[in-house]
Amino acid sequence: MRLLLKQRNIYTQRGKYYDGQVTVKESDLDGFVDLYDGEIKYVDAQLKNLMSILKTMGEFKNTMVVIFGDHGELFGEDGLIGHHFSLADTLLHVPLLVKWPQRYHPITESRVSSYVELSDLFGTILKAAGLDDAVNNERTLKSKCADNSKTAYAEYKAPASLVESFKTQTRDGTFPAHLRTNIKALRHGKYKLTVTDEEIALFNIESDPNEGTDVSREKPDVVTDLRERMNDYIGNGQTKASNSTTAFSEDVEKQLKDLGYI
């Protein structure tokens, strides 16, 4: 419990870390990893219990189970803690496992190499439930795998509540200028293009999985190609990020504060 409280305090006060007021020791980052590993172990045990219950009820064969991560986590990489201000593959490349119901098995391979997005799950689940009429587009895992898609898009906008929270932690009351609050990224083949309000960067993920070397100057044609693909994607209305104007209830606001979001 002492470790949990200590790490929570670091996490909720990381605006001071980004402002240069405090440092975070390597042992503290290791503490985050330990807690994260503990969460994974707990979830793994609960998934085992869920599968056992479904089998006991006789519902396992005809039940669709989708297991996925909504995002990864940064533990000091690029000077960041958490899952904001970045679209590094550390955050984007998450687990996705699907146990199809017995009567519907559109993908026969046990492991696929196609690039898919979490937004493909909605249509996939509706089709598995027999609600084809409710699917107004072809964004499904089946369509992506059938086309052997090698393109995926991601978008990030920093929550306004988080930005305001960090302003209260900095010495001059302003948001840390080096943090990126609006990011778009497109992965196509081995290349990944990231676009912010200030810069464009290109990475060869195969040879540089940690995205440490920007090759945009060496590969201007690739930048142009991926930028056009990104613009087409955005123009087709397939972007996901948005700014919510809905006010939180007191209970929801408390939960978000406990989780370190605001």
C-alpha atoms as a PDB file:
ATOM      1  CA  MET A   1       0.000   0.000   0.000  1.00  0.00           C
ATOM      2  CA  ARG A   2       2.876   2.391   0.782  1.00  0.00           C
ATOM      3  CA  LEU A   3       4.343   1.812  -2.701  1.00  0.00           C
ATOM      4  CA  LEU A   4       0.936   2.384  -4.291  1.00  0.00           C
ATOM      5  CA  LEU A   5       0.424   5.697  -2.482  1.00  0.00           C
ATOM      6  CA  LYS A   6       3.936   6.851  -3.340  1.00  0.00           C
ATOM      7  CA  GLN A   7       3.545   6.034  -7.037  1.00  0.00           C
ATOM      8  CA  ARG A   8       0.090   7.611  -7.145  1.00  0.00           C
ATOM      9  CA  ASN A   9       1.513  10.840  -5.718  1.00  0.00           C
ATOM     10  CA  ILE A  10       4.242  10.893  -8.385  1.00  0.00           C
ATOM     11  CA  TYR A  11       1.703  10.208 -11.130  1.00  0.00           C
ATOM     12  CA  THR A  12      -0.808  12.844 -10.084  1.00  0.00           C
ATOM     13  CA  GLN A  13       1.956  15.443  -9.671  1.00  0.00           C
ATOM     14  CA  ARG A  14       3.842  14.741 -12.880  1.00  0.00           C
ATOM     15  CA  GLY A  15       3.152  18.267 -14.083  1.00  0.00           C
ATOM     16  CA  LYS A  16       5.935  19.271 -11.658  1.00  0.00           C
ATOM     17  CA  TYR A  17       8.164  16.591 -13.187  1.00  0.00           C
ATOM     18  CA  TYR A  18       7.580  17.951 -16.696  1.00  0.00           C
ATOM     19  CA  ASP A  19       8.200  21.475 -15.360  1.00  0.00           C
ATOM     20  CA  GLY A  20      11.626  20.449 -14.041  1.00  0.00           C
ATOM     21  CA  GLN A  21      10.750  21.027 -10.388  1.00  0.00           C
ATOM     22  CA  VAL A  22      11.276  17.421  -9.331  1.00  0.00           C
ATOM     23  CA  THR A  23      13.123  14.373 -10.583  1.00  0.00           C
ATOM     24  CA  VAL A  24      11.888  10.803 -10.693  1.00  0.00           C
ATOM     25  CA  LYS A  25      14.398   8.165  -9.683  1.00  0.00           C
ATOM     26  CA  GLU A  26      14.947   4.967 -11.653  1.00  0.00           C
ATOM     27  CA  SER A  27      13.673   3.018  -8.652  1.00  0.00           C
ATOM     28  CA  ASP A  28      10.404   4.993  -8.820  1.00  0.00           C
ATOM     29  CA  LEU A  29      10.003   4.095 -12.496  1.00  0.00           C
ATOM     30  CA  ASP A  30      10.678   0.469 -11.585  1.00  0.00           C
ATOM     31  CA  GLY A  31       7.903   0.809  -9.013  1.00  0.00           C
ATOM     32  CA  PHE A  32       5.483   1.793 -11.771  1.00  0.00           C
ATOM     33  CA  VAL A  33       6.525  -1.280 -13.778  1.00  0.00           C
ATOM     34  CA  ASP A  34       5.982  -3.537 -10.760  1.00  0.00           C
ATOM     35  CA  LEU A  35       2.484  -2.165 -10.208  1.00  0.00           C
ATOM     36  CA  TYR A  36       1.708  -2.491 -13.911  1.00  0.00           C
ATOM     37  CA  ASP A  37       2.875  -6.115 -13.919  1.00  0.00           C
ATOM     38  CA  GLY A  38       0.677  -6.737 -10.891  1.00  0.00           C
ATOM     39  CA  GLU A  39      -2.338  -5.351 -12.737  1.00  0.00           C
ATOM     40  CA  ILE A  40      -1.640  -7.610 -15.713  1.00  0.00           C
ATOM     41  CA  LYS A  41      -1.354 -10.652 -13.470  1.00  0.00           C
ATOM     42  CA  TYR A  42      -4.648  -9.771 -11.763  1.00  0.00           C
ATOM     43  CA  VAL A  43      -6.488  -9.300 -15.074  1.00  0.00           C
ATOM     44  CA  ASP A  44      -5.034 -12.564 -16.378  1.00  0.00           C
ATOM     45  CA  ALA A  45      -6.394 -14.425 -13.336  1.00  0.00           C
ATOM     46  CA  GLN A  46      -9.831 -12.826 -13.754  1.00  0.00           C
ATOM     47  CA  LEU A  47      -9.934 -13.791 -17.432  1.00  0.00           C
ATOM     48  CA  LYS A  48      -9.183 -17.382 -16.445  1.00  0.00           C
ATOM     49  CA  ASN A  49     -12.096 -17.259 -13.993  1.00  0.00           C
ATOM     50  CA  LEU A  50     -14.383 -15.818 -16.670  1.00  0.00           C
ATOM     51  CA  MET A  51     -13.516 -18.588 -19.143  1.00  0.00           C
ATOM     52  CA  SER A  52     -14.095 -21.226 -16.469  1.00  0.00           C
ATOM     53  CA  ILE A  53     -17.517 -19.764 -15.636  1.00  0.00           C
ATOM     54  CA  LEU A  54     -18.527 -19.695 -19.314  1.00  0.00           C
ATOM     55  CA  LYS A  55     -17.507 -23.315 -19.701  1.00  0.00           C
ATOM     56  CA  THR A  56     -19.367 -24.346 -16.544  1.00  0.00           C
ATOM     57  CA  MET A  57     -22.497 -22.621 -17.856  1.00  0.00           C
ATOM     58  CA  GLY A  58     -22.130 -24.312 -21.224  1.00  0.00           C
ATOM     59  CA  GLU A  59     -21.869 -20.943 -22.975  1.00  0.00           C
ATOM     60  CA  PHE A  60     -18.195 -20.914 -23.900  1.00  0.00           C
ATOM     61  CA  LYS A  61     -18.486 -22.286 -27.452  1.00  0.00           C
ATOM     62  CA  ASN A  62     -21.146 -19.817 -28.513  1.00  0.00           C
ATOM     63  CA  THR A  63     -19.674 -16.771 -26.764  1.00  0.00           C
ATOM     64  CA  MET A  64     -17.494 -14.179 -28.433  1.00  0.00           C
ATOM     65  CA  VAL A  65     -14.728 -12.913 -26.178  1.00  0.00           C
ATOM     66  CA  VAL A  66     -12.616  -9.913 -27.195  1.00  0.00           C
ATOM     67  CA  ILE A  67      -9.576  -9.034 -25.097  1.00  0.00           C
ATOM     68  CA  PHE A  68      -7.642  -5.882 -25.914  1.00  0.00           C
ATOM     69  CA  GLY A  69      -5.625  -3.075 -24.381  1.00  0.00           C
ATOM     70  CA  ASP A  70      -6.856   0.467 -24.900  1.00  0.00           C
ATOM     71  CA  HIS A  71      -3.294   1.779 -24.746  1.00  0.00           C
ATOM     72  CA  GLY A  72       0.172   0.956 -23.496  1.00  0.00           C
ATOM     73  CA  GLU A  73       2.106   2.865 -20.842  1.00  0.00           C
ATOM     74  CA  LEU A  74       5.314   4.877 -20.749  1.00  0.00           C
ATOM     75  CA  PHE A  75       7.694   4.513 -17.814  1.00  0.00           C
ATOM     76  CA  GLY A  76      10.220   7.233 -18.576  1.00  0.00           C
ATOM     77  CA  GLU A  77      10.609   6.628 -22.305  1.00  0.00           C
ATOM     78  CA  ASP A  78      11.045   9.970 -24.086  1.00  0.00           C
ATOM     79  CA  GLY A  79      10.885  11.571 -20.639  1.00  0.00           C
ATOM     80  CA  LEU A  80       7.192  10.695 -20.293  1.00  0.00           C
ATOM     81  CA  ILE A  81       5.205   8.904 -17.600  1.00  0.00           C
ATOM     82  CA  GLY A  82       1.752   7.547 -18.389  1.00  0.00           C
ATOM     83  CA  HIS A  83      -0.001   7.432 -21.756  1.00  0.00           C
ATOM     84  CA  HIS A  84      -0.368  11.064 -22.787  1.00  0.00           C
ATOM     85  CA  PHE A  85       1.494  13.445 -25.121  1.00  0.00           C
ATOM     86  CA  SER A  86       2.724  10.665 -27.404  1.00  0.00           C
ATOM     87  CA  LEU A  87       1.689   8.234 -30.122  1.00  0.00           C
ATOM     88  CA  ALA A  88       4.742   6.003 -29.802  1.00  0.00           C
ATOM     89  CA  ASP A  89       4.228   2.355 -30.714  1.00  0.00           C
ATOM     90  CA  THR A  90       4.775   1.592 -27.032  1.00  0.00           C
ATOM     91  CA  LEU A  91       1.300   3.078 -26.543  1.00  0.00           C
ATOM     92  CA  LEU A  92      -0.344   2.018 -29.813  1.00  0.00           C
ATOM     93  CA  HIS A  93       0.782  -1.592 -30.278  1.00  0.00           C
ATOM     94  CA  VAL A  94      -1.569  -3.275 -27.817  1.00  0.00           C
ATOM     95  CA  PRO A  95      -2.731  -6.882 -27.335  1.00  0.00           C
ATOM     96  CA  LEU A  96      -5.824  -7.990 -29.246  1.00  0.00           C
ATOM     97  CA  LEU A  97      -7.221 -11.493 -28.861  1.00  0.00           C
ATOM     98  CA  VAL A  98     -10.557 -12.731 -30.192  1.00  0.00           C
ATOM     99  CA  LYS A  99     -12.332 -15.972 -29.294  1.00  0.00           C
ATOM    100  CA  TRP A 100     -14.994 -16.352 -31.961  1.00  0.00           C
ATOM    101  CA  PRO A 101     -18.383 -17.936 -31.286  1.00  0.00           C
ATOM    102  CA  GLN A 102     -18.723 -21.418 -32.766  1.00  0.00           C
ATOM    103  CA  ARG A 103     -21.264 -20.358 -35.400  1.00  0.00           C
ATOM    104  CA  TYR A 104     -19.257 -17.372 -36.666  1.00  0.00           C
ATOM    105  CA  HIS A 105     -15.560 -17.627 -37.431  1.00  0.00           C
ATOM    106  CA  PRO A 106     -14.658 -15.169 -40.233  1.00  0.00           C
ATOM    107  CA  ILE A 107     -10.889 -15.336 -39.727  1.00  0.00           C
ATOM    108  CA  THR A 108      -9.376 -18.806 -39.798  1.00  0.00           C
ATOM    109  CA  GLU A 109      -5.776 -17.859 -38.996  1.00  0.00           C
ATOM    110  CA  SER A 110      -4.762 -18.077 -35.361  1.00  0.00           C
ATOM    111  CA  ARG A 111      -2.414 -15.094 -35.767  1.00  0.00           C
ATOM    112  CA  VAL A 112      -2.542 -12.364 -38.391  1.00  0.00           C
ATOM    113  CA  SER A 113      -0.026  -9.769 -39.565  1.00  0.00           C
ATOM    114  CA  SER A 114      -2.553  -7.246 -40.886  1.00  0.00           C
ATOM    115  CA  TYR A 115      -2.647  -3.818 -39.258  1.00  0.00           C
ATOM    116  CA  VAL A 116      -5.942  -3.301 -37.449  1.00  0.00           C
ATOM    117  CA  GLU A 117      -7.403  -0.609 -35.207  1.00  0.00           C
ATOM    118  CA  LEU A 118      -9.588  -0.809 -32.119  1.00  0.00           C
ATOM    119  CA  SER A 119     -12.238   1.089 -34.079  1.00  0.00           C
ATOM    120  CA  ASP A 120     -12.572  -2.049 -36.239  1.00  0.00           C
ATOM    121  CA  LEU A 121     -14.021  -3.936 -33.269  1.00  0.00           C
ATOM    122  CA  PHE A 122     -17.439  -2.247 -33.227  1.00  0.00           C
ATOM    123  CA  GLY A 123     -18.509  -3.484 -36.650  1.00  0.00           C
ATOM    124  CA  THR A 124     -16.863  -6.842 -36.017  1.00  0.00           C
ATOM    125  CA  ILE A 125     -18.882  -7.479 -32.863  1.00  0.00           C
ATOM    126  CA  LEU A 126     -22.145  -6.332 -34.482  1.00  0.00           C
ATOM    127  CA  LYS A 127     -21.644  -8.714 -37.395  1.00  0.00           C
ATOM    128  CA  ALA A 128     -20.852 -11.580 -35.024  1.00  0.00           C
ATOM    129  CA  ALA A 129     -24.126 -10.829 -33.204  1.00  0.00           C
ATOM    130  CA  GLY A 130     -26.040 -10.983 -36.490  1.00  0.00           C
ATOM    131  CA  LEU A 131     -26.708  -7.242 -36.573  1.00  0.00           C
ATOM    132  CA  ASP A 132     -25.399  -6.654 -40.082  1.00  0.00           C
ATOM    133  CA  ASP A 133     -27.956  -3.896 -40.746  1.00  0.00           C
ATOM    134  CA  ALA A 134     -26.473  -1.881 -37.875  1.00  0.00           C
ATOM    135  CA  VAL A 135     -23.018  -1.842 -39.493  1.00  0.00           C
ATOM    136  CA  ASN A 136     -22.840   1.261 -41.683  1.00  0.00           C
ATOM    137  CA  ASN A 137     -19.303   0.727 -42.922  1.00  0.00           C
ATOM    138  CA  GLU A 138     -16.863  -2.055 -43.724  1.00  0.00           C
ATOM    139  CA  ARG A 139     -14.491  -1.388 -40.834  1.00  0.00           C
ATOM    140  CA  THR A 140     -14.216  -4.909 -39.435  1.00  0.00           C
ATOM    141  CA  LEU A 141     -11.365  -7.225 -38.570  1.00  0.00           C
ATOM    142  CA  LYS A 142     -12.491  -9.509 -41.382  1.00  0.00           C
ATOM    143  CA  SER A 143     -12.207  -6.795 -44.034  1.00  0.00           C
ATOM    144  CA  LYS A 144      -8.827  -5.629 -42.762  1.00  0.00           C
ATOM    145  CA  CYS A 145      -7.425  -9.168 -42.744  1.00  0.00           C
ATOM    146  CA  ALA A 146      -8.944 -10.033 -46.122  1.00  0.00           C
ATOM    147  CA  ASP A 147      -7.177  -7.032 -47.640  1.00  0.00           C
ATOM    148  CA  ASN A 148      -4.017  -7.776 -45.623  1.00  0.00           C
ATOM    149  CA  SER A 149      -4.103  -4.136 -44.565  1.00  0.00           C
ATOM    150  CA  LYS A 150      -0.745  -2.548 -43.812  1.00  0.00           C
ATOM    151  CA  THR A 151      -2.105   0.854 -42.844  1.00  0.00           C
ATOM    152  CA  ALA A 152      -3.306   2.108 -39.464  1.00  0.00           C
ATOM    153  CA  TYR A 153      -4.141   5.581 -38.185  1.00  0.00           C
ATOM    154  CA  ALA A 154      -4.091   7.076 -34.697  1.00  0.00           C
ATOM    155  CA  GLU A 155      -4.901  10.475 -33.269  1.00  0.00           C
ATOM    156  CA  TYR A 156      -4.353  12.110 -29.890  1.00  0.00           C
ATOM    157  CA  LYS A 157      -5.711  15.277 -28.311  1.00  0.00           C
ATOM    158  CA  ALA A 158      -4.782  16.073 -24.735  1.00  0.00           C
ATOM    159  CA  PRO A 159      -7.844  16.328 -22.487  1.00  0.00           C
ATOM    160  CA  ALA A 160      -8.519  19.947 -21.544  1.00  0.00           C
ATOM    161  CA  SER A 161      -8.888  18.897 -17.899  1.00  0.00           C
ATOM    162  CA  LEU A 162      -5.370  17.422 -17.908  1.00  0.00           C
ATOM    163  CA  VAL A 163      -3.883  20.542 -19.478  1.00  0.00           C
ATOM    164  CA  GLU A 164      -5.543  22.744 -16.869  1.00  0.00           C
ATOM    165  CA  SER A 165      -4.413  20.424 -14.067  1.00  0.00           C
ATOM    166  CA  PHE A 166      -0.792  20.661 -15.196  1.00  0.00           C
ATOM    167  CA  LYS A 167      -0.997  24.456 -15.310  1.00  0.00           C
ATOM    168  CA  THR A 168      -1.714  24.447 -11.560  1.00  0.00           C
ATOM    169  CA  GLN A 169       1.499  22.474 -10.983  1.00  0.00           C
ATOM    170  CA  THR A 170       3.970  24.558 -12.997  1.00  0.00           C
ATOM    171  CA  ARG A 171       5.902  27.454 -11.512  1.00  0.00           C
ATOM    172  CA  ASP A 172       4.571  30.096 -13.911  1.00  0.00           C
ATOM    173  CA  GLY A 173       1.075  28.658 -14.361  1.00  0.00           C
ATOM    174  CA  THR A 174       1.578  27.741 -18.008  1.00  0.00           C
ATOM    175  CA  PHE A 175       1.446  24.356 -19.698  1.00  0.00           C
ATOM    176  CA  PRO A 176       4.892  22.764 -20.347  1.00  0.00           C
ATOM    177  CA  ALA A 177       5.758  23.837 -23.882  1.00  0.00           C
ATOM    178  CA  HIS A 178       7.633  20.657 -24.820  1.00  0.00           C
ATOM    179  CA  LEU A 179       4.588  18.407 -24.348  1.00  0.00           C
ATOM    180  CA  ARG A 180       2.641  17.666 -27.513  1.00  0.00           C
ATOM    181  CA  THR A 181      -1.120  18.026 -27.131  1.00  0.00           C
ATOM    182  CA  ASN A 182      -2.275  17.384 -30.697  1.00  0.00           C
ATOM    183  CA  ILE A 183      -0.752  14.449 -32.576  1.00  0.00           C
ATOM    184  CA  LYS A 184      -1.674  12.412 -35.639  1.00  0.00           C
ATOM    185  CA  ALA A 185       0.135   9.272 -36.757  1.00  0.00           C
ATOM    186  CA  LEU A 186      -0.100   6.984 -39.761  1.00  0.00           C
ATOM    187  CA  ARG A 187       1.648   3.637 -40.045  1.00  0.00           C
ATOM    188  CA  HIS A 188       2.006   2.281 -43.566  1.00  0.00           C
ATOM    189  CA  GLY A 189       4.229  -0.702 -44.129  1.00  0.00           C
ATOM    190  CA  LYS A 190       7.497  -0.232 -42.290  1.00  0.00           C
ATOM    191  CA  TYR A 191       7.169   3.550 -42.013  1.00  0.00           C
ATOM    192  CA  LYS A 192       5.336   5.663 -39.472  1.00  0.00           C
ATOM    193  CA  LEU A 193       4.568   9.347 -39.934  1.00  0.00           C
ATOM    194  CA  THR A 194       3.776  11.556 -36.939  1.00  0.00           C
ATOM    195  CA  VAL A 195       2.398  15.067 -37.317  1.00  0.00           C
ATOM    196  CA  THR A 196       2.055  17.665 -34.558  1.00  0.00           C
ATOM    197  CA  ASP A 197       1.307  21.380 -34.601  1.00  0.00           C
ATOM    198  CA  GLU A 198       5.058  22.026 -34.641  1.00  0.00           C
ATOM    199  CA  GLU A 199       6.706  19.245 -36.649  1.00  0.00           C
ATOM    200  CA  ILE A 200       6.547  16.241 -38.942  1.00  0.00           C
ATOM    201  CA  ALA A 201       8.675  13.153 -38.296  1.00  0.00           C
ATOM    202  CA  LEU A 202       9.142   9.871 -40.127  1.00  0.00           C
ATOM    203  CA  PHE A 203      10.412   6.637 -38.586  1.00  0.00           C
ATOM    204  CA  ASN A 204      11.386   3.263 -40.006  1.00  0.00           C
ATOM    205  CA  ILE A 205       9.755   1.026 -37.415  1.00  0.00           C
ATOM    206  CA  GLU A 206      11.441  -2.135 -38.677  1.00  0.00           C
ATOM    207  CA  SER A 207      14.980  -0.826 -38.182  1.00  0.00           C
ATOM    208  CA  ASP A 208      14.147   1.718 -35.472  1.00  0.00           C
ATOM    209  CA  PRO A 209      11.327   0.291 -33.301  1.00  0.00           C
ATOM    210  CA  ASN A 210      11.953   2.858 -30.537  1.00  0.00           C
ATOM    211  CA  GLU A 211      11.412   5.728 -32.991  1.00  0.00           C
ATOM    212  CA  GLY A 212      14.681   7.410 -32.138  1.00  0.00           C
ATOM    213  CA  THR A 213      15.810   8.572 -35.594  1.00  0.00           C
ATOM    214  CA  ASP A 214      13.732  10.902 -37.755  1.00  0.00           C
ATOM    215  CA  VAL A 215      14.351  10.049 -41.434  1.00  0.00           C
ATOM    216  CA  SER A 216      11.916  12.570 -42.929  1.00  0.00           C
ATOM    217  CA  ARG A 217      14.702  14.541 -44.628  1.00  0.00           C
ATOM    218  CA  GLU A 218      16.187  11.403 -46.163  1.00  0.00           C
ATOM    219  CA  LYS A 219      12.799  10.097 -47.320  1.00  0.00           C
ATOM    220  CA  PRO A 220      10.782  13.112 -48.587  1.00  0.00           C
ATOM    221  CA  ASP A 221       8.822  10.959 -51.064  1.00  0.00           C
ATOM    222  CA  VAL A 222       7.696   8.652 -48.268  1.00  0.00           C
ATOM    223  CA  VAL A 223       6.630  11.667 -46.195  1.00  0.00           C
ATOM    224  CA  THR A 224       4.577  12.995 -49.112  1.00  0.00           C
ATOM    225  CA  ASP A 225       2.941   9.602 -49.704  1.00  0.00           C
ATOM    226  CA  LEU A 226       2.035   9.047 -46.048  1.00  0.00           C
ATOM    227  CA  ARG A 227       0.838  12.637 -45.626  1.00  0.00           C
ATOM    228  CA  GLU A 228      -1.519  12.163 -48.590  1.00  0.00           C
ATOM    229  CA  ARG A 229      -2.770   8.884 -47.134  1.00  0.00           C
ATOM    230  CA  MET A 230      -3.343  10.595 -43.795  1.00  0.00           C
ATOM    231  CA  ASN A 231      -5.251  13.443 -45.430  1.00  0.00           C
ATOM    232  CA  ASP A 232      -7.394  10.934 -47.328  1.00  0.00           C
ATOM    233  CA  TYR A 233      -8.113   9.110 -44.080  1.00  0.00           C
ATOM    234  CA  ILE A 234      -9.116  12.320 -42.320  1.00  0.00           C
ATOM    235  CA  GLY A 235     -11.112  13.484 -45.335  1.00  0.00           C
ATOM    236  CA  ASN A 236     -13.124  10.266 -45.305  1.00  0.00           C
ATOM    237  CA  GLY A 237     -14.334  11.077 -41.804  1.00  0.00           C
ATOM    238  CA  GLN A 238     -12.504   8.206 -40.154  1.00  0.00           C
ATOM    239  CA  THR A 239     -10.789  10.202 -37.418  1.00  0.00           C
ATOM    240  CA  LYS A 240     -11.684   9.355 -33.839  1.00  0.00           C
ATOM    241  CA  ALA A 241     -10.371  11.941 -31.403  1.00  0.00           C
ATOM    242  CA  SER A 242     -12.709  14.689 -30.260  1.00  0.00           C
ATOM    243  CA  ASN A 243     -13.038  17.252 -27.507  1.00  0.00           C
ATOM    244  CA  SER A 244     -15.914  16.497 -25.164  1.00  0.00           C
ATOM    245  CA  THR A 245     -17.904  19.385 -23.702  1.00  0.00           C
ATOM    246  CA  THR A 246     -19.983  17.187 -21.421  1.00  0.00           C
ATOM    247  CA  ALA A 247     -19.570  18.024 -17.736  1.00  0.00           C
ATOM    248  CA  PHE A 248     -18.555  15.178 -15.402  1.00  0.00           C
ATOM    249  CA  SER A 249     -20.670  14.147 -12.444  1.00  0.00           C
ATOM    250  CA  GLU A 250     -19.008  14.425  -9.034  1.00  0.00           C
ATOM    251  CA  ASP A 251     -18.523  10.640  -8.850  1.00  0.00           C
ATOM    252  CA  VAL A 252     -16.919  10.478 -12.295  1.00  0.00           C
ATOM    253  CA  GLU A 253     -14.684  13.461 -11.516  1.00  0.00           C
ATOM    254  CA  LYS A 254     -13.531  11.766  -8.303  1.00  0.00           C
ATOM    255  CA  GLN A 255     -12.709   8.559 -10.200  1.00  0.00           C
ATOM    256  CA  LEU A 256     -10.737  10.505 -12.812  1.00  0.00           C
ATOM    257  CA  LYS A 257      -8.779  12.302 -10.094  1.00  0.00           C
ATOM    258  CA  ASP A 258      -8.031   8.983  -8.355  1.00  0.00           C
ATOM    259  CA  LEU A 259      -6.720   7.632 -11.650  1.00  0.00           C
ATOM    260  CA  GLY A 260      -4.558  10.699 -12.195  1.00  0.00           C
ATOM    261  CA  TYR A 261      -6.383  12.009 -15.272  1.00  0.00           C
ATOM    262  CA  ILE A 262      -7.352  15.354 -13.726  1.00  0.00           C
END
